[in-house]
N, C-alpha and C. Protein backbone atom coordinates (compact mmCIF):
# COMPACT_ATOMS: atom_id res chain seq x y z
N UNK A 1 92.62 -14.96 151.47
CA UNK A 1 92.99 -16.28 151.94
C UNK A 1 93.49 -16.14 153.36
N UNK A 2 92.92 -16.90 154.29
CA UNK A 2 93.34 -16.85 155.68
C UNK A 2 94.68 -17.51 155.90
N UNK A 3 95.21 -17.35 157.11
CA UNK A 3 96.53 -17.91 157.44
C UNK A 3 96.53 -19.42 157.30
N UNK A 4 95.47 -20.08 157.74
CA UNK A 4 95.41 -21.53 157.65
C UNK A 4 95.34 -21.99 156.19
N UNK A 5 94.52 -21.33 155.39
CA UNK A 5 94.41 -21.70 153.98
C UNK A 5 95.73 -21.45 153.26
N UNK A 6 96.39 -20.33 153.57
CA UNK A 6 97.67 -20.02 152.94
C UNK A 6 98.72 -21.05 153.33
N UNK A 7 98.74 -21.44 154.59
CA UNK A 7 99.67 -22.46 155.07
C UNK A 7 99.40 -23.79 154.37
N UNK A 8 98.13 -24.15 154.27
CA UNK A 8 97.72 -25.38 153.58
C UNK A 8 98.17 -25.35 152.12
N UNK A 9 97.98 -24.20 151.47
CA UNK A 9 98.36 -24.05 150.07
C UNK A 9 99.87 -24.21 149.88
N UNK A 10 100.66 -23.64 150.77
CA UNK A 10 102.12 -23.79 150.67
C UNK A 10 102.54 -25.24 150.80
N UNK A 11 101.91 -25.96 151.71
CA UNK A 11 102.24 -27.38 151.87
C UNK A 11 101.87 -28.17 150.61
N UNK A 12 100.73 -27.85 150.04
CA UNK A 12 100.31 -28.55 148.83
C UNK A 12 101.27 -28.27 147.68
N UNK A 13 101.64 -27.01 147.49
CA UNK A 13 102.57 -26.66 146.41
C UNK A 13 103.92 -27.35 146.61
N UNK A 14 104.38 -27.39 147.85
CA UNK A 14 105.65 -28.07 148.14
C UNK A 14 105.54 -29.56 147.86
N UNK A 15 104.41 -30.16 148.24
CA UNK A 15 104.21 -31.60 147.98
C UNK A 15 104.16 -31.88 146.48
N UNK A 16 103.50 -31.01 145.72
CA UNK A 16 103.44 -31.21 144.27
C UNK A 16 104.83 -31.09 143.64
N UNK A 17 105.61 -30.11 144.08
CA UNK A 17 106.97 -29.95 143.55
C UNK A 17 107.82 -31.16 143.90
N UNK A 18 107.69 -31.66 145.11
CA UNK A 18 108.45 -32.84 145.52
C UNK A 18 108.03 -34.07 144.72
N UNK A 19 106.74 -34.24 144.50
CA UNK A 19 106.25 -35.37 143.71
C UNK A 19 106.81 -35.32 142.29
N UNK A 20 106.82 -34.15 141.68
CA UNK A 20 107.36 -34.03 140.33
C UNK A 20 108.86 -34.32 140.34
N UNK A 21 109.58 -33.77 141.31
CA UNK A 21 111.03 -33.99 141.37
C UNK A 21 111.36 -35.46 141.58
N UNK A 22 110.55 -36.15 142.35
CA UNK A 22 110.83 -37.56 142.67
C UNK A 22 110.49 -38.51 141.53
N UNK A 23 109.61 -38.10 140.62
CA UNK A 23 109.14 -39.05 139.60
C UNK A 23 109.46 -38.67 138.17
N UNK A 24 109.92 -37.48 137.92
CA UNK A 24 110.06 -36.99 136.55
C UNK A 24 111.16 -37.69 135.76
N UNK A 25 112.06 -38.37 136.41
CA UNK A 25 113.20 -38.99 135.74
C UNK A 25 112.80 -40.18 134.87
N UNK A 26 111.63 -40.75 135.11
CA UNK A 26 111.19 -41.94 134.38
C UNK A 26 109.76 -41.72 133.90
N UNK A 27 109.56 -41.77 132.59
CA UNK A 27 108.20 -41.58 132.07
C UNK A 27 107.31 -42.74 132.45
N UNK A 28 107.85 -43.93 132.37
CA UNK A 28 107.08 -45.12 132.70
C UNK A 28 107.68 -45.73 133.95
N UNK A 29 106.85 -46.25 134.80
CA UNK A 29 107.33 -46.86 136.02
C UNK A 29 108.04 -48.17 135.75
N UNK A 30 108.92 -48.52 136.67
CA UNK A 30 109.60 -49.81 136.63
C UNK A 30 109.48 -50.42 138.01
N UNK A 31 110.14 -51.55 138.20
CA UNK A 31 110.14 -52.16 139.53
C UNK A 31 110.85 -51.28 140.55
N UNK A 32 111.68 -50.35 140.06
CA UNK A 32 112.48 -49.53 140.95
C UNK A 32 112.12 -48.04 140.93
N UNK A 33 111.17 -47.65 140.11
CA UNK A 33 110.81 -46.24 140.03
C UNK A 33 109.32 -46.08 139.73
N UNK A 34 108.78 -44.99 140.21
CA UNK A 34 107.38 -44.67 139.95
C UNK A 34 107.26 -43.97 138.60
N UNK A 35 106.11 -44.08 137.95
CA UNK A 35 105.93 -43.34 136.69
C UNK A 35 105.90 -41.83 136.94
N UNK A 36 106.19 -41.08 135.91
CA UNK A 36 106.22 -39.62 135.97
C UNK A 36 104.85 -39.09 136.40
N UNK A 37 104.86 -38.22 137.40
CA UNK A 37 103.62 -37.64 137.92
C UNK A 37 103.36 -36.24 137.38
N UNK A 38 104.15 -35.77 136.41
CA UNK A 38 104.04 -34.38 135.95
C UNK A 38 102.64 -34.01 135.46
N UNK A 39 101.98 -34.90 134.75
CA UNK A 39 100.63 -34.59 134.26
C UNK A 39 99.68 -34.32 135.42
N UNK A 40 99.71 -35.19 136.41
CA UNK A 40 98.86 -35.01 137.58
C UNK A 40 99.26 -33.75 138.35
N UNK A 41 100.55 -33.49 138.44
CA UNK A 41 101.02 -32.31 139.16
C UNK A 41 100.42 -31.04 138.54
N UNK A 42 100.43 -30.95 137.22
CA UNK A 42 99.88 -29.75 136.59
C UNK A 42 98.36 -29.67 136.73
N UNK A 43 97.66 -30.81 136.68
CA UNK A 43 96.22 -30.80 136.93
C UNK A 43 95.95 -30.33 138.36
N UNK A 44 96.66 -30.91 139.31
CA UNK A 44 96.45 -30.56 140.72
C UNK A 44 96.87 -29.12 141.01
N UNK A 45 97.90 -28.65 140.35
CA UNK A 45 98.32 -27.25 140.50
C UNK A 45 97.16 -26.33 140.13
N UNK A 46 96.49 -26.63 139.03
CA UNK A 46 95.32 -25.85 138.65
C UNK A 46 94.17 -26.03 139.63
N UNK A 47 93.93 -27.26 140.04
CA UNK A 47 92.85 -27.56 140.98
C UNK A 47 92.99 -26.77 142.27
N UNK A 48 94.20 -26.71 142.79
CA UNK A 48 94.43 -26.02 144.05
C UNK A 48 94.63 -24.52 143.89
N UNK A 49 94.35 -24.00 142.71
CA UNK A 49 94.33 -22.56 142.52
C UNK A 49 95.64 -21.91 142.14
N UNK A 50 96.62 -22.71 141.75
CA UNK A 50 97.87 -22.13 141.29
C UNK A 50 97.63 -21.31 140.03
N UNK A 51 98.00 -20.05 140.06
CA UNK A 51 97.77 -19.16 138.94
C UNK A 51 98.84 -19.28 137.87
N UNK A 52 98.81 -18.35 136.91
CA UNK A 52 99.78 -18.39 135.81
C UNK A 52 101.24 -18.34 136.26
N UNK A 53 101.53 -17.59 137.31
CA UNK A 53 102.91 -17.55 137.81
C UNK A 53 103.33 -18.89 138.39
N UNK A 54 102.41 -19.54 139.09
CA UNK A 54 102.71 -20.88 139.62
C UNK A 54 102.92 -21.85 138.48
N UNK A 55 102.09 -21.75 137.44
CA UNK A 55 102.26 -22.61 136.26
C UNK A 55 103.65 -22.41 135.67
N UNK A 56 104.04 -21.15 135.48
CA UNK A 56 105.36 -20.85 134.91
C UNK A 56 106.47 -21.40 135.80
N UNK A 57 106.32 -21.22 137.10
CA UNK A 57 107.33 -21.73 138.03
C UNK A 57 107.46 -23.24 137.98
N UNK A 58 106.33 -23.93 137.93
CA UNK A 58 106.37 -25.39 137.85
C UNK A 58 106.92 -25.86 136.51
N UNK A 59 106.60 -25.13 135.43
CA UNK A 59 107.17 -25.51 134.14
C UNK A 59 108.68 -25.34 134.15
N UNK A 60 109.16 -24.24 134.71
CA UNK A 60 110.61 -24.03 134.80
C UNK A 60 111.25 -25.09 135.69
N UNK A 61 110.56 -25.49 136.74
CA UNK A 61 111.08 -26.56 137.60
C UNK A 61 111.18 -27.87 136.81
N UNK A 62 110.17 -28.16 135.99
CA UNK A 62 110.22 -29.37 135.16
C UNK A 62 111.41 -29.32 134.21
N UNK A 63 111.66 -28.16 133.62
CA UNK A 63 112.81 -28.00 132.72
C UNK A 63 114.12 -28.21 133.48
N UNK A 64 114.20 -27.66 134.69
CA UNK A 64 115.41 -27.80 135.50
C UNK A 64 115.64 -29.26 135.89
N UNK A 65 114.57 -29.97 136.20
CA UNK A 65 114.69 -31.40 136.53
C UNK A 65 115.18 -32.16 135.31
N UNK A 66 114.62 -31.86 134.15
CA UNK A 66 115.07 -32.52 132.92
C UNK A 66 116.54 -32.24 132.65
N UNK A 67 116.94 -30.99 132.83
CA UNK A 67 118.35 -30.63 132.61
C UNK A 67 119.26 -31.42 133.56
N UNK A 68 118.90 -31.45 134.83
CA UNK A 68 119.71 -32.18 135.82
C UNK A 68 119.77 -33.67 135.48
N UNK A 69 118.65 -34.23 135.07
CA UNK A 69 118.62 -35.66 134.74
C UNK A 69 119.52 -35.97 133.54
N UNK A 70 119.49 -35.10 132.54
CA UNK A 70 120.30 -35.32 131.34
C UNK A 70 121.77 -35.03 131.59
N UNK A 71 122.04 -33.89 132.22
CA UNK A 71 123.43 -33.45 132.41
C UNK A 71 124.18 -34.23 133.49
N UNK A 72 123.46 -34.69 134.52
CA UNK A 72 124.16 -35.25 135.67
C UNK A 72 123.78 -36.69 136.03
N UNK A 73 122.73 -37.22 135.41
CA UNK A 73 122.27 -38.55 135.81
C UNK A 73 122.23 -39.54 134.66
N UNK A 74 122.69 -39.15 133.51
CA UNK A 74 122.77 -40.07 132.38
C UNK A 74 121.47 -40.39 131.70
N UNK A 75 120.42 -39.59 131.95
CA UNK A 75 119.15 -39.81 131.27
C UNK A 75 119.29 -39.33 129.83
N UNK A 76 118.71 -40.05 128.90
CA UNK A 76 118.80 -39.73 127.47
C UNK A 76 118.14 -38.38 127.16
N UNK A 77 118.72 -37.67 126.20
CA UNK A 77 118.14 -36.40 125.75
C UNK A 77 117.27 -36.58 124.50
N UNK A 78 116.85 -37.79 124.23
CA UNK A 78 116.10 -38.11 123.02
C UNK A 78 114.87 -37.20 122.83
N UNK A 79 114.19 -36.88 123.91
CA UNK A 79 112.96 -36.10 123.80
C UNK A 79 113.19 -34.59 123.77
N UNK A 80 114.41 -34.15 123.99
CA UNK A 80 114.69 -32.71 123.98
C UNK A 80 114.99 -32.30 122.54
N UNK A 81 113.97 -31.80 121.89
CA UNK A 81 113.99 -31.44 120.48
C UNK A 81 113.24 -30.11 120.33
N UNK A 82 113.10 -29.60 119.13
CA UNK A 82 112.27 -28.40 118.96
C UNK A 82 110.83 -28.60 119.45
N UNK A 83 110.38 -29.83 119.55
CA UNK A 83 109.03 -30.10 120.05
C UNK A 83 108.91 -29.92 121.56
N UNK A 84 110.03 -29.83 122.26
CA UNK A 84 110.02 -29.70 123.72
C UNK A 84 109.18 -28.50 124.17
N UNK A 85 109.20 -27.43 123.41
CA UNK A 85 108.41 -26.24 123.75
C UNK A 85 106.92 -26.52 123.80
N UNK A 86 106.49 -27.58 123.13
CA UNK A 86 105.07 -27.92 123.14
C UNK A 86 104.65 -28.59 124.45
N UNK A 87 105.60 -28.77 125.36
CA UNK A 87 105.20 -29.18 126.70
C UNK A 87 104.42 -28.06 127.40
N UNK A 88 104.64 -26.83 126.97
CA UNK A 88 103.88 -25.72 127.57
C UNK A 88 102.38 -25.91 127.32
N UNK A 89 101.90 -26.05 126.07
CA UNK A 89 100.46 -26.29 125.91
C UNK A 89 100.02 -27.66 126.42
N UNK A 90 100.93 -28.64 126.42
CA UNK A 90 100.60 -29.96 126.96
C UNK A 90 100.21 -29.82 128.43
N UNK A 91 101.10 -29.20 129.21
CA UNK A 91 100.83 -29.04 130.64
C UNK A 91 99.74 -28.00 130.90
N UNK A 92 99.64 -27.00 130.02
CA UNK A 92 98.61 -25.98 130.19
C UNK A 92 97.21 -26.59 130.06
N UNK A 93 97.06 -27.59 129.21
CA UNK A 93 95.75 -28.25 129.07
C UNK A 93 95.33 -28.87 130.40
N UNK A 94 96.26 -29.50 131.08
CA UNK A 94 95.95 -30.12 132.37
C UNK A 94 95.73 -29.08 133.45
N UNK A 95 96.60 -28.07 133.48
CA UNK A 95 96.47 -27.00 134.47
C UNK A 95 95.13 -26.30 134.32
N UNK A 96 94.76 -25.97 133.07
CA UNK A 96 93.49 -25.28 132.82
C UNK A 96 92.31 -26.16 133.25
N UNK A 97 92.35 -27.44 132.92
CA UNK A 97 91.26 -28.35 133.32
C UNK A 97 91.16 -28.41 134.84
N UNK A 98 92.30 -28.44 135.52
CA UNK A 98 92.28 -28.42 136.99
C UNK A 98 91.68 -27.13 137.53
N UNK A 99 92.06 -26.01 136.94
CA UNK A 99 91.50 -24.71 137.38
C UNK A 99 90.00 -24.66 137.15
N UNK A 100 89.56 -25.11 135.99
CA UNK A 100 88.12 -25.09 135.70
C UNK A 100 87.36 -26.02 136.64
N UNK A 101 87.91 -27.19 136.90
CA UNK A 101 87.25 -28.13 137.81
C UNK A 101 87.24 -27.58 139.23
N UNK A 102 88.33 -26.97 139.64
CA UNK A 102 88.42 -26.40 140.98
C UNK A 102 87.49 -25.22 141.18
N UNK A 103 87.29 -24.43 140.13
CA UNK A 103 86.39 -23.27 140.22
C UNK A 103 84.93 -23.70 140.35
N UNK A 104 84.61 -24.89 139.92
CA UNK A 104 83.23 -25.36 140.03
C UNK A 104 83.02 -26.10 141.35
N UNK A 105 84.04 -26.15 142.16
CA UNK A 105 83.99 -26.79 143.47
C UNK A 105 83.06 -25.96 144.36
N UNK A 106 81.94 -26.53 144.75
CA UNK A 106 80.93 -25.80 145.51
C UNK A 106 81.00 -26.21 146.97
N UNK A 107 81.25 -25.24 147.83
CA UNK A 107 81.29 -25.53 149.26
C UNK A 107 82.27 -26.63 149.58
N UNK A 108 81.79 -27.60 150.30
CA UNK A 108 82.63 -28.72 150.71
C UNK A 108 82.52 -29.91 149.77
N UNK A 109 81.67 -29.81 148.77
CA UNK A 109 81.47 -30.95 147.88
C UNK A 109 82.65 -31.10 146.93
N UNK A 110 83.18 -32.28 146.84
CA UNK A 110 84.25 -32.57 145.88
C UNK A 110 83.58 -33.12 144.63
N UNK A 111 83.67 -32.41 143.52
CA UNK A 111 82.94 -32.81 142.31
C UNK A 111 83.63 -33.95 141.56
N UNK A 112 83.54 -35.15 142.09
CA UNK A 112 84.22 -36.30 141.48
C UNK A 112 83.78 -36.52 140.05
N UNK A 113 82.51 -36.26 139.74
CA UNK A 113 82.03 -36.43 138.37
C UNK A 113 82.73 -35.49 137.40
N UNK A 114 82.89 -34.23 137.80
CA UNK A 114 83.60 -33.27 136.95
C UNK A 114 85.06 -33.66 136.78
N UNK A 115 85.66 -34.12 137.86
CA UNK A 115 87.06 -34.55 137.80
C UNK A 115 87.18 -35.75 136.87
N UNK A 116 86.24 -36.69 137.00
CA UNK A 116 86.27 -37.91 136.17
C UNK A 116 86.10 -37.59 134.69
N UNK A 117 85.49 -36.47 134.37
CA UNK A 117 85.36 -36.05 132.97
C UNK A 117 86.54 -35.18 132.54
N UNK A 118 86.88 -34.19 133.34
CA UNK A 118 87.90 -33.21 132.95
C UNK A 118 89.30 -33.81 132.88
N UNK A 119 89.67 -34.63 133.84
CA UNK A 119 91.04 -35.15 133.88
C UNK A 119 91.35 -36.06 132.70
N UNK A 120 90.53 -37.07 132.39
CA UNK A 120 90.85 -37.89 131.21
C UNK A 120 90.80 -37.10 129.90
N UNK A 121 89.86 -36.17 129.79
CA UNK A 121 89.78 -35.36 128.57
C UNK A 121 91.04 -34.50 128.41
N UNK A 122 91.45 -33.82 129.46
CA UNK A 122 92.65 -32.98 129.40
C UNK A 122 93.90 -33.83 129.17
N UNK A 123 93.95 -35.00 129.77
CA UNK A 123 95.10 -35.88 129.58
C UNK A 123 95.16 -36.36 128.13
N UNK A 124 94.02 -36.62 127.53
CA UNK A 124 93.98 -37.02 126.12
C UNK A 124 94.45 -35.88 125.23
N UNK A 125 94.00 -34.67 125.50
CA UNK A 125 94.47 -33.50 124.74
C UNK A 125 95.99 -33.36 124.89
N UNK A 126 96.48 -33.51 126.12
CA UNK A 126 97.92 -33.42 126.37
C UNK A 126 98.68 -34.49 125.60
N UNK A 127 98.14 -35.70 125.56
CA UNK A 127 98.77 -36.81 124.84
C UNK A 127 98.89 -36.49 123.35
N UNK A 128 97.81 -35.95 122.78
CA UNK A 128 97.82 -35.61 121.35
C UNK A 128 98.81 -34.48 121.08
N UNK A 129 98.81 -33.45 121.92
CA UNK A 129 99.74 -32.33 121.72
C UNK A 129 101.19 -32.80 121.80
N UNK A 130 101.52 -33.54 122.85
CA UNK A 130 102.93 -33.91 123.03
C UNK A 130 103.40 -34.90 121.97
N UNK A 131 102.59 -35.88 121.65
CA UNK A 131 103.00 -36.86 120.64
C UNK A 131 102.92 -36.31 119.23
N UNK A 132 101.91 -35.50 118.96
CA UNK A 132 101.79 -34.89 117.63
C UNK A 132 102.93 -33.92 117.36
N UNK A 133 103.27 -33.10 118.34
CA UNK A 133 104.38 -32.15 118.14
C UNK A 133 105.71 -32.89 118.01
N UNK A 134 105.88 -33.97 118.75
CA UNK A 134 107.12 -34.75 118.62
C UNK A 134 107.24 -35.33 117.22
N UNK A 135 106.14 -35.86 116.70
CA UNK A 135 106.16 -36.42 115.35
C UNK A 135 106.50 -35.35 114.32
N UNK A 136 105.87 -34.19 114.45
CA UNK A 136 106.02 -33.14 113.43
C UNK A 136 107.32 -32.35 113.55
N UNK A 137 107.84 -32.15 114.76
CA UNK A 137 108.93 -31.20 114.96
C UNK A 137 110.23 -31.77 115.49
N UNK A 138 110.23 -32.99 115.94
CA UNK A 138 111.43 -33.50 116.61
C UNK A 138 112.61 -33.73 115.68
N UNK A 139 112.32 -34.06 114.43
CA UNK A 139 113.40 -34.41 113.51
C UNK A 139 113.93 -35.81 113.75
N UNK A 140 113.35 -36.53 114.67
CA UNK A 140 113.80 -37.88 115.00
C UNK A 140 113.06 -38.95 114.19
N UNK A 141 112.01 -38.54 113.52
CA UNK A 141 111.15 -39.52 112.84
C UNK A 141 111.04 -39.23 111.35
N UNK A 142 112.11 -38.72 110.76
CA UNK A 142 112.08 -38.39 109.34
C UNK A 142 111.64 -39.60 108.51
N UNK A 143 110.67 -39.37 107.66
CA UNK A 143 110.17 -40.43 106.79
C UNK A 143 109.18 -41.37 107.46
N UNK A 144 108.88 -41.15 108.73
CA UNK A 144 107.93 -42.02 109.42
C UNK A 144 106.52 -41.73 108.94
N UNK A 145 105.71 -42.74 108.93
CA UNK A 145 104.32 -42.64 108.54
C UNK A 145 103.49 -42.25 109.76
N UNK A 146 102.64 -41.22 109.62
CA UNK A 146 101.83 -40.73 110.73
C UNK A 146 100.95 -41.84 111.31
N UNK A 147 100.34 -42.64 110.46
CA UNK A 147 99.45 -43.70 110.94
C UNK A 147 100.25 -44.73 111.74
N UNK A 148 101.39 -45.16 111.21
CA UNK A 148 102.21 -46.14 111.93
C UNK A 148 102.70 -45.57 113.26
N UNK A 149 103.11 -44.30 113.25
CA UNK A 149 103.56 -43.66 114.49
C UNK A 149 102.42 -43.60 115.49
N UNK A 150 101.25 -43.19 115.04
CA UNK A 150 100.09 -43.08 115.92
C UNK A 150 99.74 -44.42 116.56
N UNK A 151 99.76 -45.47 115.75
CA UNK A 151 99.46 -46.80 116.29
C UNK A 151 100.53 -47.22 117.30
N UNK A 152 101.77 -46.83 117.03
CA UNK A 152 102.85 -47.17 117.96
C UNK A 152 102.72 -46.46 119.30
N UNK A 153 102.39 -45.17 119.28
CA UNK A 153 102.29 -44.44 120.55
C UNK A 153 100.98 -44.72 121.28
N UNK A 154 99.98 -45.22 120.57
CA UNK A 154 98.72 -45.54 121.25
C UNK A 154 98.90 -46.60 122.33
N UNK A 155 99.90 -47.43 122.17
CA UNK A 155 100.14 -48.44 123.22
C UNK A 155 100.59 -47.78 124.52
N UNK A 156 101.13 -46.55 124.43
CA UNK A 156 101.56 -45.82 125.62
C UNK A 156 100.42 -45.07 126.30
N UNK A 157 99.31 -44.88 125.59
CA UNK A 157 98.22 -44.07 126.11
C UNK A 157 97.64 -44.58 127.43
N UNK A 158 97.37 -45.87 127.60
CA UNK A 158 96.79 -46.31 128.88
C UNK A 158 97.68 -45.96 130.08
N UNK A 159 98.98 -46.11 129.95
CA UNK A 159 99.88 -45.76 131.04
C UNK A 159 99.92 -44.26 131.28
N UNK A 160 99.89 -43.49 130.21
CA UNK A 160 99.90 -42.03 130.26
C UNK A 160 98.67 -41.54 131.02
N UNK A 161 97.51 -42.06 130.62
CA UNK A 161 96.25 -41.70 131.27
C UNK A 161 96.19 -42.25 132.69
N UNK A 162 96.58 -43.50 132.84
CA UNK A 162 96.50 -44.14 134.15
C UNK A 162 97.31 -43.44 135.22
N UNK A 163 98.53 -43.03 134.88
CA UNK A 163 99.37 -42.35 135.87
C UNK A 163 98.72 -41.03 136.30
N UNK A 164 98.20 -40.27 135.35
CA UNK A 164 97.56 -38.99 135.69
C UNK A 164 96.34 -39.20 136.58
N UNK A 165 95.53 -40.19 136.24
CA UNK A 165 94.31 -40.45 137.00
C UNK A 165 94.62 -40.99 138.40
N UNK A 166 95.54 -41.93 138.49
CA UNK A 166 95.86 -42.53 139.79
C UNK A 166 96.50 -41.51 140.72
N UNK A 167 97.51 -40.79 140.24
CA UNK A 167 98.14 -39.78 141.09
C UNK A 167 97.14 -38.71 141.52
N UNK A 168 96.34 -38.19 140.59
CA UNK A 168 95.38 -37.14 140.92
C UNK A 168 94.31 -37.66 141.88
N UNK A 169 93.77 -38.83 141.58
CA UNK A 169 92.74 -39.40 142.44
C UNK A 169 93.24 -39.66 143.85
N UNK A 170 94.44 -40.21 143.97
CA UNK A 170 95.02 -40.46 145.29
C UNK A 170 95.26 -39.16 146.04
N UNK A 171 95.78 -38.15 145.35
CA UNK A 171 96.05 -36.86 146.00
C UNK A 171 94.76 -36.22 146.51
N UNK A 172 93.72 -36.22 145.68
CA UNK A 172 92.46 -35.61 146.08
C UNK A 172 91.78 -36.41 147.19
N UNK A 173 91.88 -37.73 147.13
CA UNK A 173 91.31 -38.56 148.20
C UNK A 173 92.06 -38.35 149.51
N UNK A 174 93.40 -38.27 149.46
CA UNK A 174 94.18 -38.01 150.67
C UNK A 174 93.87 -36.63 151.24
N UNK A 175 93.70 -35.65 150.38
CA UNK A 175 93.36 -34.31 150.85
C UNK A 175 92.00 -34.32 151.53
N UNK A 176 91.05 -35.00 150.94
CA UNK A 176 89.72 -35.10 151.54
C UNK A 176 89.79 -35.81 152.89
N UNK A 177 90.56 -36.88 152.97
CA UNK A 177 90.72 -37.60 154.23
C UNK A 177 91.36 -36.70 155.28
N UNK A 178 92.41 -36.00 154.91
CA UNK A 178 93.10 -35.11 155.86
C UNK A 178 92.16 -34.02 156.35
N UNK A 179 91.38 -33.44 155.45
CA UNK A 179 90.43 -32.39 155.86
C UNK A 179 89.35 -32.97 156.78
N UNK A 180 88.92 -34.18 156.49
CA UNK A 180 87.89 -34.82 157.31
C UNK A 180 88.43 -35.11 158.71
N UNK A 181 89.66 -35.60 158.79
CA UNK A 181 90.25 -35.89 160.10
C UNK A 181 90.54 -34.61 160.89
N UNK A 182 90.92 -33.55 160.19
CA UNK A 182 91.23 -32.29 160.85
C UNK A 182 89.97 -31.55 161.30
N UNK A 183 88.88 -31.74 160.59
CA UNK A 183 87.64 -31.03 160.88
C UNK A 183 86.48 -32.00 160.78
N UNK A 184 86.01 -32.52 161.92
CA UNK A 184 84.91 -33.50 161.89
C UNK A 184 83.65 -32.99 161.21
N UNK A 185 83.49 -31.68 161.06
CA UNK A 185 82.31 -31.13 160.40
C UNK A 185 82.43 -31.15 158.88
N UNK A 186 83.62 -31.46 158.37
CA UNK A 186 83.83 -31.49 156.92
C UNK A 186 82.95 -32.58 156.31
N UNK A 187 82.32 -32.27 155.22
CA UNK A 187 81.43 -33.23 154.55
C UNK A 187 81.86 -33.39 153.10
N UNK A 188 81.70 -34.59 152.56
CA UNK A 188 81.99 -34.85 151.14
C UNK A 188 81.05 -34.04 150.27
N UNK A 189 79.82 -33.92 150.73
CA UNK A 189 78.85 -33.12 149.98
C UNK A 189 77.84 -32.57 150.98
N UNK A 190 77.39 -31.39 150.72
CA UNK A 190 76.37 -30.82 151.60
C UNK A 190 75.05 -31.51 151.31
N UNK A 191 74.48 -32.08 152.36
CA UNK A 191 73.23 -32.81 152.15
C UNK A 191 72.02 -31.96 152.52
N UNK A 192 72.26 -30.80 153.09
CA UNK A 192 71.13 -29.96 153.51
C UNK A 192 71.12 -28.67 152.76
């Protein structure tokens, strides 16, 4: 990796960490806060080539943000249960999809079709892992019916998917724009 690519990568990793820190306090957006960008952050971390150590570092950062929010900002600890550990495979699904999509990135072409398939699929897998593990392991839903719970959380799915897609799409579009402005020879796809 050249000096410019390494510098670019550091800026991207810093921007992803800042985005997660700024949005992780609220799962759903309100008039005063943006929705949590963690799903997109892990997809983009994989896309931009963050390896297993970067994944571990970002996961630990997410845990530290959660701790700070609960201990110092009055955020509820409702979701911190034995199921919390299943955030590892939840985020790993997105990170892996980002890595796989990024590895198929050919030359200067941004594979929007692959992203449009991989990101919603990985987000759906993440949704099932996080909600399924919460139902089974949290201890907060004793006696709850799986079907009723599933129908209840399905109403959250569009926002869950939408936040991941919007944040990821905006980030990749901004990156493409920045590269295009920095290098007039940059092309969305090689036509020759």
